[in-house]
Amino acid sequence: MANTLPIGICFFTSTKGHFGSKDLYAKTLDHLDDQIPLESFGALYAHIKVTPGEEDIGLVIEKDLISRGFTVEKTVAPWVRGMVHQQEYLKDIIKSSQSKLLHSQPYTLMLEDDSLFGCSKDSLIKVLSRTTAFFDKMDIASVRFLRASDLSTSPILASELDYFYSPHVNFNLLFFRSRDFYLAGCLIEKSWSFLAHIQCEMVMRMVLNELSRNEMRHIVWHPSYAETIHIGVENHQEVLKNLIKG
């Protein structure tokens, strides 16, 4: 199934890990690879945020990602949770959006290191194929997966379908055209003095909104069809155990 999907993965990870765990990034990729071999994607790009003093951890992660077929870039920078984290993430987005490897594919999947796919009604490859078809047929800016718990912030406007439209954007699992990812990065960089003080997902929504005139420009898969399973939580071991049981 090599190179059957016109999608480049843009994978974000860091040496900080999640609640003491440094290997959730690997569990994320293993879970994806079990459903669709990573070699099926047209491009594999990863960015590692390296905390000063954790360069050795960064090298271990880099070596593992390269063995999985990723082209890896790293940024060494201090950051903490809060606005500094938001700003550092935006810097990583700008850097990654300029990747010529990702530009080789028409679509980019922005994947965080603690977000799994859950597909109850179709295989993942069918879900991804349907996702790319949206961009071929409609003037939209993004398609994303949602956690069921997030439904309260994304009103369902087309509940009879497998998907609905939402005014929101988040990074659970976010698809866009690679050209739009590049343009979004350019807009963020050019407007840095203003956008750097805004929450990073709101920034992405703002810039993507400039790239489509369609009011229904952001599509969300209904969690009953396909959802995000978030494992970057304090009780991640319990979450993973329940996932395996399921």
C-alpha atoms as a PDB file:
ATOM      1  CA  MET A   1       0.000   0.000   0.000  1.00  0.00           C
ATOM      2  CA  ALA A   2       2.999   2.260  -0.468  1.00  0.00           C
ATOM      3  CA  ASN A   3       2.318   5.936  -1.288  1.00  0.00           C
ATOM      4  CA  THR A   4      -1.384   5.548  -2.003  1.00  0.00           C
ATOM      5  CA  LEU A   5      -2.544   8.608  -0.068  1.00  0.00           C
ATOM      6  CA  PRO A   6      -1.868  12.143  -1.414  1.00  0.00           C
ATOM      7  CA  ILE A   7      -1.383  13.296   2.154  1.00  0.00           C
ATOM      8  CA  GLY A   8       1.704  14.504   3.957  1.00  0.00           C
ATOM      9  CA  ILE A   9       1.808  14.020   7.718  1.00  0.00           C
ATOM     10  CA  CYS A  10       3.100  16.999   9.699  1.00  0.00           C
ATOM     11  CA  PHE A  11       3.843  15.465  13.090  1.00  0.00           C
ATOM     12  CA  PHE A  12       4.539  17.656  16.114  1.00  0.00           C
ATOM     13  CA  THR A  13       6.273  16.268  19.180  1.00  0.00           C
ATOM     14  CA  SER A  14       8.623  17.428  21.932  1.00  0.00           C
ATOM     15  CA  THR A  15      11.114  16.161  24.472  1.00  0.00           C
ATOM     16  CA  LYS A  16       8.858  17.315  27.325  1.00  0.00           C
ATOM     17  CA  GLY A  17       6.428  14.472  26.801  1.00  0.00           C
ATOM     18  CA  HIS A  18       3.157  14.275  28.699  1.00  0.00           C
ATOM     19  CA  PHE A  19       2.844  13.895  32.469  1.00  0.00           C
ATOM     20  CA  GLY A  20       6.179  12.154  32.826  1.00  0.00           C
ATOM     21  CA  SER A  21       5.757   9.917  29.787  1.00  0.00           C
ATOM     22  CA  LYS A  22       8.230  10.379  26.950  1.00  0.00           C
ATOM     23  CA  ASP A  23       6.890   7.680  24.621  1.00  0.00           C
ATOM     24  CA  LEU A  24       3.301   8.690  23.853  1.00  0.00           C
ATOM     25  CA  TYR A  25       4.528  10.001  20.495  1.00  0.00           C
ATOM     26  CA  ALA A  26       5.522   6.409  19.641  1.00  0.00           C
ATOM     27  CA  LYS A  27       2.150   5.030  20.744  1.00  0.00           C
ATOM     28  CA  THR A  28       0.446   7.611  18.525  1.00  0.00           C
ATOM     29  CA  LEU A  29       2.446   6.527  15.491  1.00  0.00           C
ATOM     30  CA  ASP A  30       2.153   2.811  16.286  1.00  0.00           C
ATOM     31  CA  HIS A  31      -1.630   3.139  16.492  1.00  0.00           C
ATOM     32  CA  LEU A  32      -1.739   4.907  13.130  1.00  0.00           C
ATOM     33  CA  ASP A  33       0.650   2.423  11.517  1.00  0.00           C
ATOM     34  CA  ASP A  34      -1.521  -0.487  12.702  1.00  0.00           C
ATOM     35  CA  GLN A  35      -4.433   0.983  10.727  1.00  0.00           C
ATOM     36  CA  ILE A  36      -2.559   2.324   7.721  1.00  0.00           C
ATOM     37  CA  PRO A  37       1.160   1.651   7.182  1.00  0.00           C
ATOM     38  CA  LEU A  38       3.023   4.935   7.464  1.00  0.00           C
ATOM     39  CA  GLU A  39       4.655   4.271   4.103  1.00  0.00           C
ATOM     40  CA  SER A  40       1.197   4.697   2.534  1.00  0.00           C
ATOM     41  CA  PHE A  41       1.380   8.454   3.069  1.00  0.00           C
ATOM     42  CA  GLY A  42       2.945  10.586   0.380  1.00  0.00           C
ATOM     43  CA  ALA A  43       5.247  12.409   2.807  1.00  0.00           C
ATOM     44  CA  LEU A  44       6.299  12.052   6.435  1.00  0.00           C
ATOM     45  CA  TYR A  45       7.576  15.178   8.165  1.00  0.00           C
ATOM     46  CA  ALA A  46       8.167  15.628  11.901  1.00  0.00           C
ATOM     47  CA  HIS A  47       9.154  18.573  14.056  1.00  0.00           C
ATOM     48  CA  ILE A  48      10.655  18.051  17.513  1.00  0.00           C
ATOM     49  CA  LYS A  49      10.657  20.867  20.061  1.00  0.00           C
ATOM     50  CA  VAL A  50      13.742  20.243  22.181  1.00  0.00           C
ATOM     51  CA  THR A  51      13.948  21.707  25.661  1.00  0.00           C
ATOM     52  CA  PRO A  52      17.514  22.894  26.471  1.00  0.00           C
ATOM     53  CA  GLY A  53      19.240  20.166  28.450  1.00  0.00           C
ATOM     54  CA  GLU A  54      17.166  17.430  26.795  1.00  0.00           C
ATOM     55  CA  GLU A  55      19.139  17.212  23.574  1.00  0.00           C
ATOM     56  CA  ASP A  56      19.888  13.543  24.254  1.00  0.00           C
ATOM     57  CA  ILE A  57      16.160  12.780  24.421  1.00  0.00           C
ATOM     58  CA  GLY A  58      15.714  14.704  21.188  1.00  0.00           C
ATOM     59  CA  LEU A  59      18.331  12.522  19.492  1.00  0.00           C
ATOM     60  CA  VAL A  60      16.577   9.330  20.613  1.00  0.00           C
ATOM     61  CA  ILE A  61      13.225  10.563  19.293  1.00  0.00           C
ATOM     62  CA  GLU A  62      14.836  11.776  16.066  1.00  0.00           C
ATOM     63  CA  LYS A  63      16.508   8.421  15.450  1.00  0.00           C
ATOM     64  CA  ASP A  64      13.223   6.598  16.010  1.00  0.00           C
ATOM     65  CA  LEU A  65      11.293   8.932  13.700  1.00  0.00           C
ATOM     66  CA  ILE A  66      13.891   8.577  10.950  1.00  0.00           C
ATOM     67  CA  SER A  67      13.636   4.785  11.253  1.00  0.00           C
ATOM     68  CA  ARG A  68       9.889   5.160  10.628  1.00  0.00           C
ATOM     69  CA  GLY A  69      10.534   7.121   7.426  1.00  0.00           C
ATOM     70  CA  PHE A  70      10.178  10.694   8.688  1.00  0.00           C
ATOM     71  CA  THR A  71      12.209  13.674   7.638  1.00  0.00           C
ATOM     72  CA  VAL A  72      12.927  15.452  10.920  1.00  0.00           C
ATOM     73  CA  GLU A  73      13.551  19.064  11.898  1.00  0.00           C
ATOM     74  CA  LYS A  74      14.312  20.188  15.436  1.00  0.00           C
ATOM     75  CA  THR A  75      14.083  23.463  17.277  1.00  0.00           C
ATOM     76  CA  VAL A  76      15.857  23.979  20.599  1.00  0.00           C
ATOM     77  CA  ALA A  77      13.983  26.498  22.735  1.00  0.00           C
ATOM     78  CA  PRO A  78      12.851  26.885  26.338  1.00  0.00           C
ATOM     79  CA  TRP A  79       9.103  26.954  26.870  1.00  0.00           C
ATOM     80  CA  VAL A  80       6.510  26.439  29.577  1.00  0.00           C
ATOM     81  CA  ARG A  81       2.773  25.898  29.531  1.00  0.00           C
ATOM     82  CA  GLY A  82       0.815  29.054  28.812  1.00  0.00           C
ATOM     83  CA  MET A  83       1.363  31.850  26.316  1.00  0.00           C
ATOM     84  CA  VAL A  84       5.031  30.977  25.806  1.00  0.00           C
ATOM     85  CA  HIS A  85       3.936  27.500  24.728  1.00  0.00           C
ATOM     86  CA  GLN A  86       1.348  29.034  22.365  1.00  0.00           C
ATOM     87  CA  GLN A  87       3.972  31.268  20.777  1.00  0.00           C
ATOM     88  CA  GLU A  88       6.526  28.478  20.437  1.00  0.00           C
ATOM     89  CA  TYR A  89       3.896  26.298  18.772  1.00  0.00           C
ATOM     90  CA  LEU A  90       3.148  29.059  16.269  1.00  0.00           C
ATOM     91  CA  LYS A  91       6.871  29.318  15.494  1.00  0.00           C
ATOM     92  CA  ASP A  92       6.956  25.572  14.853  1.00  0.00           C
ATOM     93  CA  ILE A  93       3.930  25.889  12.563  1.00  0.00           C
ATOM     94  CA  ILE A  94       5.617  28.642  10.571  1.00  0.00           C
ATOM     95  CA  LYS A  95       8.767  26.536  10.208  1.00  0.00           C
ATOM     96  CA  SER A  96       6.915  23.374   9.253  1.00  0.00           C
ATOM     97  CA  SER A  97       4.650  25.132   6.757  1.00  0.00           C
ATOM     98  CA  GLN A  98       7.740  25.927   4.688  1.00  0.00           C
ATOM     99  CA  SER A  99       8.705  22.260   4.294  1.00  0.00           C
ATOM    100  CA  LYS A 100       9.207  21.419   0.623  1.00  0.00           C
ATOM    101  CA  LEU A 101       8.505  17.795   1.490  1.00  0.00           C
ATOM    102  CA  LEU A 102       4.983  18.683   2.613  1.00  0.00           C
ATOM    103  CA  HIS A 103       4.560  20.874  -0.462  1.00  0.00           C
ATOM    104  CA  SER A 104       5.023  17.735  -2.582  1.00  0.00           C
ATOM    105  CA  GLN A 105       1.558  16.530  -1.497  1.00  0.00           C
ATOM    106  CA  PRO A 106      -1.763  18.304  -2.132  1.00  0.00           C
ATOM    107  CA  TYR A 107      -2.978  17.719   1.441  1.00  0.00           C
ATOM    108  CA  THR A 108      -1.404  17.928   4.881  1.00  0.00           C
ATOM    109  CA  LEU A 109      -2.516  16.211   8.073  1.00  0.00           C
ATOM    110  CA  MET A 110      -1.409  18.117  11.158  1.00  0.00           C
ATOM    111  CA  LEU A 111      -0.938  15.423  13.796  1.00  0.00           C
ATOM    112  CA  GLU A 112      -0.019  15.938  17.441  1.00  0.00           C
ATOM    113  CA  ASP A 113       1.913  13.340  19.421  1.00  0.00           C
ATOM    114  CA  ASP A 114      -0.977  12.400  21.720  1.00  0.00           C
ATOM    115  CA  SER A 115      -3.925  12.104  19.338  1.00  0.00           C
ATOM    116  CA  LEU A 116      -5.220   8.761  18.066  1.00  0.00           C
ATOM    117  CA  PHE A 117      -7.825   8.023  15.418  1.00  0.00           C
ATOM    118  CA  GLY A 118     -11.040   6.281  16.331  1.00  0.00           C
ATOM    119  CA  CYS A 119     -13.220   5.154  13.411  1.00  0.00           C
ATOM    120  CA  SER A 120     -16.417   3.266  14.256  1.00  0.00           C
ATOM    121  CA  LYS A 121     -18.166   3.012  10.896  1.00  0.00           C
ATOM    122  CA  ASP A 122     -15.407   2.834   8.278  1.00  0.00           C
ATOM    123  CA  SER A 123     -11.762   1.935   7.934  1.00  0.00           C
ATOM    124  CA  LEU A 124      -9.365   4.808   8.512  1.00  0.00           C
ATOM    125  CA  ILE A 125      -8.189   4.776   4.918  1.00  0.00           C
ATOM    126  CA  LYS A 126     -11.789   5.284   3.744  1.00  0.00           C
ATOM    127  CA  VAL A 127     -12.217   8.142   6.194  1.00  0.00           C
ATOM    128  CA  LEU A 128      -9.048   9.822   4.915  1.00  0.00           C
ATOM    129  CA  SER A 129     -10.114   9.300   1.302  1.00  0.00           C
ATOM    130  CA  ARG A 130     -13.481  10.902   2.045  1.00  0.00           C
ATOM    131  CA  THR A 131     -11.621  13.750   3.730  1.00  0.00           C
ATOM    132  CA  THR A 132      -9.540  14.553   0.661  1.00  0.00           C
ATOM    133  CA  ALA A 133     -12.696  14.348  -1.485  1.00  0.00           C
ATOM    134  CA  PHE A 134     -14.210  17.238   0.483  1.00  0.00           C
ATOM    135  CA  PHE A 135     -11.418  19.505  -0.699  1.00  0.00           C
ATOM    136  CA  ASP A 136     -11.933  18.395  -4.299  1.00  0.00           C
ATOM    137  CA  LYS A 137     -15.649  19.187  -4.234  1.00  0.00           C
ATOM    138  CA  MET A 138     -16.052  22.190  -1.931  1.00  0.00           C
ATOM    139  CA  ASP A 139     -14.518  25.550  -1.116  1.00  0.00           C
ATOM    140  CA  ILE A 140     -13.433  24.655   2.403  1.00  0.00           C
ATOM    141  CA  ALA A 141     -10.387  25.488   4.500  1.00  0.00           C
ATOM    142  CA  SER A 142     -10.123  22.539   6.892  1.00  0.00           C
ATOM    143  CA  VAL A 143     -11.433  19.158   7.981  1.00  0.00           C
ATOM    144  CA  ARG A 144     -10.866  17.937  11.502  1.00  0.00           C
ATOM    145  CA  PHE A 145     -11.581  15.176  13.946  1.00  0.00           C
ATOM    146  CA  LEU A 146     -13.204  15.937  17.273  1.00  0.00           C
ATOM    147  CA  ARG A 147     -13.273  14.473  20.752  1.00  0.00           C
ATOM    148  CA  ALA A 148     -16.810  13.537  21.755  1.00  0.00           C
ATOM    149  CA  SER A 149     -16.370  15.640  24.900  1.00  0.00           C
ATOM    150  CA  ASP A 150     -15.828  18.728  22.741  1.00  0.00           C
ATOM    151  CA  LEU A 151     -19.267  18.651  21.141  1.00  0.00           C
ATOM    152  CA  SER A 152     -20.471  21.361  23.507  1.00  0.00           C
ATOM    153  CA  THR A 153     -18.162  23.885  21.807  1.00  0.00           C
ATOM    154  CA  SER A 154     -19.032  22.870  18.234  1.00  0.00           C
ATOM    155  CA  PRO A 155     -22.753  23.081  17.529  1.00  0.00           C
ATOM    156  CA  ILE A 156     -23.933  20.412  15.084  1.00  0.00           C
ATOM    157  CA  LEU A 157     -25.540  22.075  12.099  1.00  0.00           C
ATOM    158  CA  ALA A 158     -26.026  18.916  10.020  1.00  0.00           C
ATOM    159  CA  SER A 159     -26.648  16.170  12.545  1.00  0.00           C
ATOM    160  CA  GLU A 160     -28.167  13.797  10.004  1.00  0.00           C
ATOM    161  CA  LEU A 161     -24.780  13.496   8.279  1.00  0.00           C
ATOM    162  CA  ASP A 162     -21.493  11.900   9.275  1.00  0.00           C
ATOM    163  CA  TYR A 163     -20.045  15.393   9.458  1.00  0.00           C
ATOM    164  CA  PHE A 164     -21.076  18.929  10.309  1.00  0.00           C
ATOM    165  CA  TYR A 165     -19.819  22.475   9.888  1.00  0.00           C
ATOM    166  CA  SER A 166     -18.267  24.471  12.695  1.00  0.00           C
ATOM    167  CA  PRO A 167     -16.870  27.990  13.085  1.00  0.00           C
ATOM    168  CA  HIS A 168     -14.056  26.596  15.234  1.00  0.00           C
ATOM    169  CA  VAL A 169     -10.616  25.189  14.473  1.00  0.00           C
ATOM    170  CA  ASN A 170      -8.451  23.096  16.760  1.00  0.00           C
ATOM    171  CA  PHE A 171      -5.383  20.920  16.465  1.00  0.00           C
ATOM    172  CA  ASN A 172      -6.801  17.570  17.549  1.00  0.00           C
ATOM    173  CA  LEU A 173      -6.352  16.253  14.044  1.00  0.00           C
ATOM    174  CA  LEU A 174      -6.470  18.920  11.372  1.00  0.00           C
ATOM    175  CA  PHE A 175      -6.435  18.558   7.584  1.00  0.00           C
ATOM    176  CA  PHE A 176      -5.907  21.315   5.062  1.00  0.00           C
ATOM    177  CA  ARG A 177      -4.566  21.829   1.590  1.00  0.00           C
ATOM    178  CA  SER A 178      -0.779  21.999   1.700  1.00  0.00           C
ATOM    179  CA  ARG A 179      -0.899  25.302  -0.164  1.00  0.00           C
ATOM    180  CA  ASP A 180      -3.196  26.688   2.552  1.00  0.00           C
ATOM    181  CA  PHE A 181      -0.843  25.469   5.269  1.00  0.00           C
ATOM    182  CA  TYR A 182       1.972  27.341   3.549  1.00  0.00           C
ATOM    183  CA  LEU A 183      -0.119  30.497   3.148  1.00  0.00           C
ATOM    184  CA  ALA A 184      -1.292  30.260   6.763  1.00  0.00           C
ATOM    185  CA  GLY A 185       2.333  30.113   7.899  1.00  0.00           C
ATOM    186  CA  CYS A 186       3.152  33.171   5.784  1.00  0.00           C
ATOM    187  CA  LEU A 187       0.219  35.124   7.227  1.00  0.00           C
ATOM    188  CA  ILE A 188       1.190  34.230  10.794  1.00  0.00           C
ATOM    189  CA  GLU A 189       4.805  35.258  10.217  1.00  0.00           C
ATOM    190  CA  LYS A 190       3.876  38.565   8.570  1.00  0.00           C
ATOM    191  CA  SER A 191       1.377  39.428  11.316  1.00  0.00           C
ATOM    192  CA  TRP A 192       3.465  38.126  14.209  1.00  0.00           C
ATOM    193  CA  SER A 193       3.377  41.274  16.353  1.00  0.00           C
ATOM    194  CA  PHE A 194      -0.416  41.026  16.482  1.00  0.00           C
ATOM    195  CA  LEU A 195      -1.065  37.278  16.344  1.00  0.00           C
ATOM    196  CA  ALA A 196       1.631  36.231  18.842  1.00  0.00           C
ATOM    197  CA  HIS A 197      -0.602  37.348  21.705  1.00  0.00           C
ATOM    198  CA  ILE A 198      -3.574  35.203  20.629  1.00  0.00           C
ATOM    199  CA  GLN A 199      -4.220  31.521  21.442  1.00  0.00           C
ATOM    200  CA  CYS A 200      -2.610  29.430  18.692  1.00  0.00           C
ATOM    201  CA  GLU A 201      -5.746  27.570  17.543  1.00  0.00           C
ATOM    202  CA  MET A 202      -7.623  30.861  17.290  1.00  0.00           C
ATOM    203  CA  VAL A 203      -4.749  32.172  15.189  1.00  0.00           C
ATOM    204  CA  MET A 204      -5.046  29.223  12.816  1.00  0.00           C
ATOM    205  CA  ARG A 205      -8.780  29.793  12.496  1.00  0.00           C
ATOM    206  CA  MET A 206      -8.240  33.469  11.737  1.00  0.00           C
ATOM    207  CA  VAL A 207      -5.701  32.882   8.984  1.00  0.00           C
ATOM    208  CA  LEU A 208      -7.559  29.938   7.420  1.00  0.00           C
ATOM    209  CA  ASN A 209     -10.712  32.055   7.334  1.00  0.00           C
ATOM    210  CA  GLU A 210      -8.869  34.418   5.019  1.00  0.00           C
ATOM    211  CA  LEU A 211      -8.346  31.610   2.507  1.00  0.00           C
ATOM    212  CA  SER A 212     -11.983  30.704   1.836  1.00  0.00           C
ATOM    213  CA  ARG A 213     -15.079  32.786   1.170  1.00  0.00           C
ATOM    214  CA  ASN A 214     -17.399  29.934   2.176  1.00  0.00           C
ATOM    215  CA  GLU A 215     -19.120  30.566   5.526  1.00  0.00           C
ATOM    216  CA  MET A 216     -19.190  26.783   6.063  1.00  0.00           C
ATOM    217  CA  ARG A 217     -15.456  26.545   5.548  1.00  0.00           C
ATOM    218  CA  HIS A 218     -14.551  24.159   8.402  1.00  0.00           C
ATOM    219  CA  ILE A 219     -15.839  20.577   8.340  1.00  0.00           C
ATOM    220  CA  VAL A 220     -15.833  18.315  11.390  1.00  0.00           C
ATOM    221  CA  TRP A 221     -16.344  14.565  11.395  1.00  0.00           C
ATOM    222  CA  HIS A 222     -19.073  13.587  13.822  1.00  0.00           C
ATOM    223  CA  PRO A 223     -17.478  11.600  16.692  1.00  0.00           C
ATOM    224  CA  SER A 224     -19.947   8.769  16.104  1.00  0.00           C
ATOM    225  CA  TYR A 225     -18.250   8.311  12.729  1.00  0.00           C
ATOM    226  CA  ALA A 226     -14.624   9.207  13.396  1.00  0.00           C
ATOM    227  CA  GLU A 227     -13.073  10.845  16.432  1.00  0.00           C
ATOM    228  CA  THR A 228      -9.899  11.808  18.221  1.00  0.00           C
ATOM    229  CA  ILE A 229      -8.800   9.793  21.224  1.00  0.00           C
ATOM    230  CA  HIS A 230      -6.635  12.039  23.399  1.00  0.00           C
ATOM    231  CA  ILE A 231      -3.934  10.192  25.340  1.00  0.00           C
ATOM    232  CA  GLY A 232      -1.853  13.163  26.511  1.00  0.00           C
ATOM    233  CA  VAL A 233      -3.533  13.224  29.900  1.00  0.00           C
ATOM    234  CA  GLU A 234      -2.440  12.503  33.454  1.00  0.00           C
ATOM    235  CA  ASN A 235      -4.208   9.121  33.493  1.00  0.00           C
ATOM    236  CA  HIS A 236      -2.859   8.152  30.073  1.00  0.00           C
ATOM    237  CA  GLN A 237      -2.012   4.616  31.218  1.00  0.00           C
ATOM    238  CA  GLU A 238      -5.653   3.999  32.071  1.00  0.00           C
ATOM    239  CA  VAL A 239      -6.770   5.531  28.777  1.00  0.00           C
ATOM    240  CA  LEU A 240      -4.397   3.297  26.836  1.00  0.00           C
ATOM    241  CA  LYS A 241      -5.487   0.218  28.790  1.00  0.00           C
ATOM    242  CA  ASN A 242      -9.148   0.900  28.013  1.00  0.00           C
ATOM    243  CA  LEU A 243      -8.279   1.546  24.373  1.00  0.00           C
ATOM    244  CA  ILE A 244      -6.561  -1.820  24.098  1.00  0.00           C
ATOM    245  CA  LYS A 245      -9.518  -3.541  25.730  1.00  0.00           C
ATOM    246  CA  GLY A 246     -11.875  -1.836  23.296  1.00  0.00           C
END
